């Protein structure tokens, strides 16, 4: 009796995003307030390209932690 399903819906478990679409829609770059998009395992500012990592489904969007 082991339930090891990677996804509750069963849809493409390997394509499961690091964060939910709902959260992605409300996030903005803390530096310039522009929208961000998910690129691989990072959130990327659509205006200036600032990159933010995601750890355990939590975006780390601190100005001190930005990647260029």
N, C-alpha and C. Protein backbone atom coordinates (compact mmCIF):
# COMPACT_ATOMS: atom_id res chain seq x y z
N UNK A 1 0.83 -1.19 0.00
CA UNK A 1 0.00 0.00 0.00
C UNK A 1 0.86 1.24 0.00
N UNK A 2 1.37 1.60 -1.14
CA UNK A 2 2.13 2.84 -1.20
C UNK A 2 1.61 3.71 -2.32
N UNK A 3 1.32 4.94 -2.00
CA UNK A 3 0.84 5.90 -2.98
C UNK A 3 1.99 6.84 -3.31
N UNK A 4 2.63 6.61 -4.44
CA UNK A 4 3.80 7.40 -4.80
C UNK A 4 3.52 8.28 -6.01
N UNK A 5 2.26 8.63 -6.24
CA UNK A 5 1.94 9.45 -7.41
C UNK A 5 2.57 10.83 -7.25
N UNK A 6 3.16 11.32 -8.34
CA UNK A 6 3.86 12.60 -8.29
C UNK A 6 2.90 13.76 -8.45
N UNK A 7 1.71 13.49 -8.96
CA UNK A 7 0.75 14.56 -9.22
C UNK A 7 -0.63 14.09 -8.83
N UNK A 8 -1.41 14.95 -8.22
CA UNK A 8 -2.76 14.58 -7.84
C UNK A 8 -3.64 14.40 -9.07
N UNK A 9 -3.38 15.15 -10.13
CA UNK A 9 -4.20 15.06 -11.32
C UNK A 9 -3.71 13.99 -12.27
N UNK A 10 -2.47 13.57 -12.13
CA UNK A 10 -1.92 12.56 -13.00
C UNK A 10 -1.40 13.11 -14.32
N UNK A 11 -1.49 14.39 -14.53
CA UNK A 11 -1.04 15.02 -15.77
C UNK A 11 0.45 15.29 -15.72
N UNK A 12 1.21 14.75 -16.60
CA UNK A 12 2.62 15.04 -16.81
C UNK A 12 3.36 15.37 -15.53
N UNK A 13 3.59 14.43 -14.65
CA UNK A 13 4.25 14.72 -13.38
C UNK A 13 5.63 15.33 -13.53
N UNK A 14 6.33 15.05 -14.61
CA UNK A 14 7.66 15.62 -14.79
C UNK A 14 7.60 17.09 -15.20
N UNK A 15 6.44 17.56 -15.68
CA UNK A 15 6.30 18.95 -16.10
C UNK A 15 5.65 19.81 -15.03
N UNK A 16 5.55 19.29 -13.82
CA UNK A 16 4.95 20.05 -12.73
C UNK A 16 5.80 21.28 -12.45
N UNK A 17 5.20 22.48 -12.53
CA UNK A 17 6.00 23.69 -12.28
C UNK A 17 6.45 23.78 -10.84
N UNK A 18 7.52 24.53 -10.63
CA UNK A 18 8.08 24.71 -9.30
C UNK A 18 7.14 25.50 -8.40
N UNK A 19 6.28 26.33 -9.00
CA UNK A 19 5.28 27.08 -8.24
C UNK A 19 3.96 27.02 -8.99
N UNK A 20 2.87 27.32 -8.30
CA UNK A 20 1.55 27.25 -8.92
C UNK A 20 1.34 28.42 -9.89
N UNK A 21 0.49 28.20 -10.87
CA UNK A 21 0.16 29.25 -11.83
C UNK A 21 -0.51 30.44 -11.14
N UNK A 22 -1.34 30.16 -10.14
CA UNK A 22 -2.02 31.23 -9.40
C UNK A 22 -1.01 32.15 -8.72
N UNK A 23 0.02 31.57 -8.10
CA UNK A 23 1.05 32.37 -7.45
C UNK A 23 1.85 33.15 -8.49
N UNK A 24 2.18 32.51 -9.58
CA UNK A 24 2.96 33.15 -10.63
C UNK A 24 2.26 34.40 -11.17
N UNK A 25 0.94 34.34 -11.26
CA UNK A 25 0.17 35.46 -11.80
C UNK A 25 0.20 36.70 -10.91
N UNK A 26 0.45 36.54 -9.61
CA UNK A 26 0.42 37.71 -8.72
C UNK A 26 1.81 38.21 -8.34
N UNK A 27 2.85 37.47 -8.68
CA UNK A 27 4.21 37.88 -8.32
C UNK A 27 4.73 38.98 -9.24
N UNK A 28 5.56 39.84 -8.69
CA UNK A 28 6.22 40.90 -9.45
C UNK A 28 7.65 41.04 -8.95
N UNK A 29 8.51 41.50 -9.83
CA UNK A 29 9.91 41.73 -9.46
C UNK A 29 9.96 42.79 -8.36
N UNK A 30 10.64 42.52 -7.25
CA UNK A 30 10.71 43.51 -6.18
C UNK A 30 11.56 44.72 -6.53
N UNK A 31 12.36 44.64 -7.56
CA UNK A 31 13.21 45.76 -7.94
C UNK A 31 12.47 46.76 -8.81
N UNK A 32 11.82 46.27 -9.88
CA UNK A 32 11.16 47.21 -10.80
C UNK A 32 9.65 46.99 -10.93
N UNK A 33 9.11 46.07 -10.16
CA UNK A 33 7.67 45.81 -10.07
C UNK A 33 7.06 45.27 -11.36
N UNK A 34 7.86 44.78 -12.29
CA UNK A 34 7.32 44.21 -13.52
C UNK A 34 6.98 42.73 -13.31
N UNK A 35 6.15 42.16 -14.18
CA UNK A 35 5.78 40.75 -14.04
C UNK A 35 6.99 39.84 -14.18
N UNK A 36 6.86 38.64 -13.63
CA UNK A 36 7.92 37.63 -13.76
C UNK A 36 7.34 36.42 -14.48
N UNK A 37 8.23 35.65 -15.10
CA UNK A 37 7.81 34.41 -15.76
C UNK A 37 8.70 33.29 -15.27
N UNK A 38 8.19 32.07 -15.35
CA UNK A 38 8.94 30.90 -14.93
C UNK A 38 9.78 30.41 -16.10
N UNK A 39 11.10 30.37 -15.88
CA UNK A 39 12.03 29.87 -16.89
C UNK A 39 12.89 28.81 -16.21
N UNK A 40 12.63 27.56 -16.55
CA UNK A 40 13.34 26.47 -15.89
C UNK A 40 12.99 26.44 -14.42
N UNK A 41 13.98 26.58 -13.55
CA UNK A 41 13.74 26.57 -12.11
C UNK A 41 13.94 27.95 -11.50
N UNK A 42 13.79 28.99 -12.31
CA UNK A 42 13.96 30.37 -11.84
C UNK A 42 12.76 31.23 -12.26
N UNK A 43 12.48 32.26 -11.48
CA UNK A 43 11.55 33.30 -11.90
C UNK A 43 12.39 34.40 -12.53
N UNK A 44 11.97 34.89 -13.68
CA UNK A 44 12.76 35.88 -14.41
C UNK A 44 11.89 37.11 -14.64
N UNK A 45 12.43 38.27 -14.27
CA UNK A 45 11.78 39.55 -14.49
C UNK A 45 11.65 39.79 -15.99
N UNK A 46 10.45 40.13 -16.45
CA UNK A 46 10.22 40.30 -17.88
C UNK A 46 10.82 41.60 -18.43
N UNK A 47 11.10 42.56 -17.59
CA UNK A 47 11.66 43.83 -18.06
C UNK A 47 13.19 43.84 -18.06
N UNK A 48 13.80 43.50 -16.93
CA UNK A 48 15.25 43.64 -16.81
C UNK A 48 15.99 42.32 -16.67
N UNK A 49 15.28 41.20 -16.61
CA UNK A 49 15.93 39.89 -16.58
C UNK A 49 16.48 39.46 -15.24
N UNK A 50 16.09 40.13 -14.15
CA UNK A 50 16.52 39.68 -12.83
C UNK A 50 16.01 38.26 -12.62
N UNK A 51 16.83 37.42 -11.99
CA UNK A 51 16.46 36.01 -11.78
C UNK A 51 16.38 35.71 -10.29
N UNK A 52 15.34 34.94 -9.93
CA UNK A 52 15.11 34.57 -8.54
C UNK A 52 14.93 33.06 -8.47
N UNK A 53 15.61 32.42 -7.53
CA UNK A 53 15.51 30.97 -7.39
C UNK A 53 14.23 30.60 -6.64
N UNK A 54 13.88 29.33 -6.77
CA UNK A 54 12.71 28.77 -6.08
C UNK A 54 13.21 27.60 -5.24
N UNK A 55 12.91 27.62 -3.96
CA UNK A 55 13.32 26.54 -3.05
C UNK A 55 12.08 25.91 -2.44
N UNK A 56 11.89 24.63 -2.67
CA UNK A 56 10.76 23.89 -2.12
C UNK A 56 9.43 24.56 -2.44
N UNK A 57 9.31 25.08 -3.65
CA UNK A 57 8.07 25.72 -4.08
C UNK A 57 7.90 27.15 -3.60
N UNK A 58 8.92 27.70 -2.95
CA UNK A 58 8.84 29.06 -2.41
C UNK A 58 9.80 29.95 -3.18
N UNK A 59 9.28 30.98 -3.86
CA UNK A 59 10.18 31.89 -4.57
C UNK A 59 10.97 32.75 -3.59
N UNK A 60 12.27 32.82 -3.81
CA UNK A 60 13.15 33.64 -2.97
C UNK A 60 13.37 34.95 -3.73
N UNK A 61 12.52 35.93 -3.42
CA UNK A 61 12.51 37.19 -4.18
C UNK A 61 13.04 38.34 -3.35
N UNK A 62 14.15 38.11 -2.69
CA UNK A 62 14.80 39.16 -1.92
C UNK A 62 15.77 39.91 -2.83
N UNK A 63 15.81 41.22 -2.72
CA UNK A 63 16.71 42.03 -3.55
C UNK A 63 18.15 41.58 -3.39
N UNK A 64 18.53 41.20 -2.17
CA UNK A 64 19.91 40.76 -1.90
C UNK A 64 20.23 39.41 -2.55
N UNK A 65 19.23 38.66 -2.97
CA UNK A 65 19.41 37.32 -3.51
C UNK A 65 19.26 37.28 -5.05
N UNK A 66 19.10 38.43 -5.68
CA UNK A 66 18.87 38.46 -7.14
C UNK A 66 20.08 37.97 -7.90
N UNK A 67 19.83 37.28 -9.02
CA UNK A 67 20.89 36.82 -9.92
C UNK A 67 20.75 37.61 -11.21
N UNK A 68 21.87 37.87 -11.86
CA UNK A 68 21.82 38.59 -13.15
C UNK A 68 22.06 37.67 -14.29
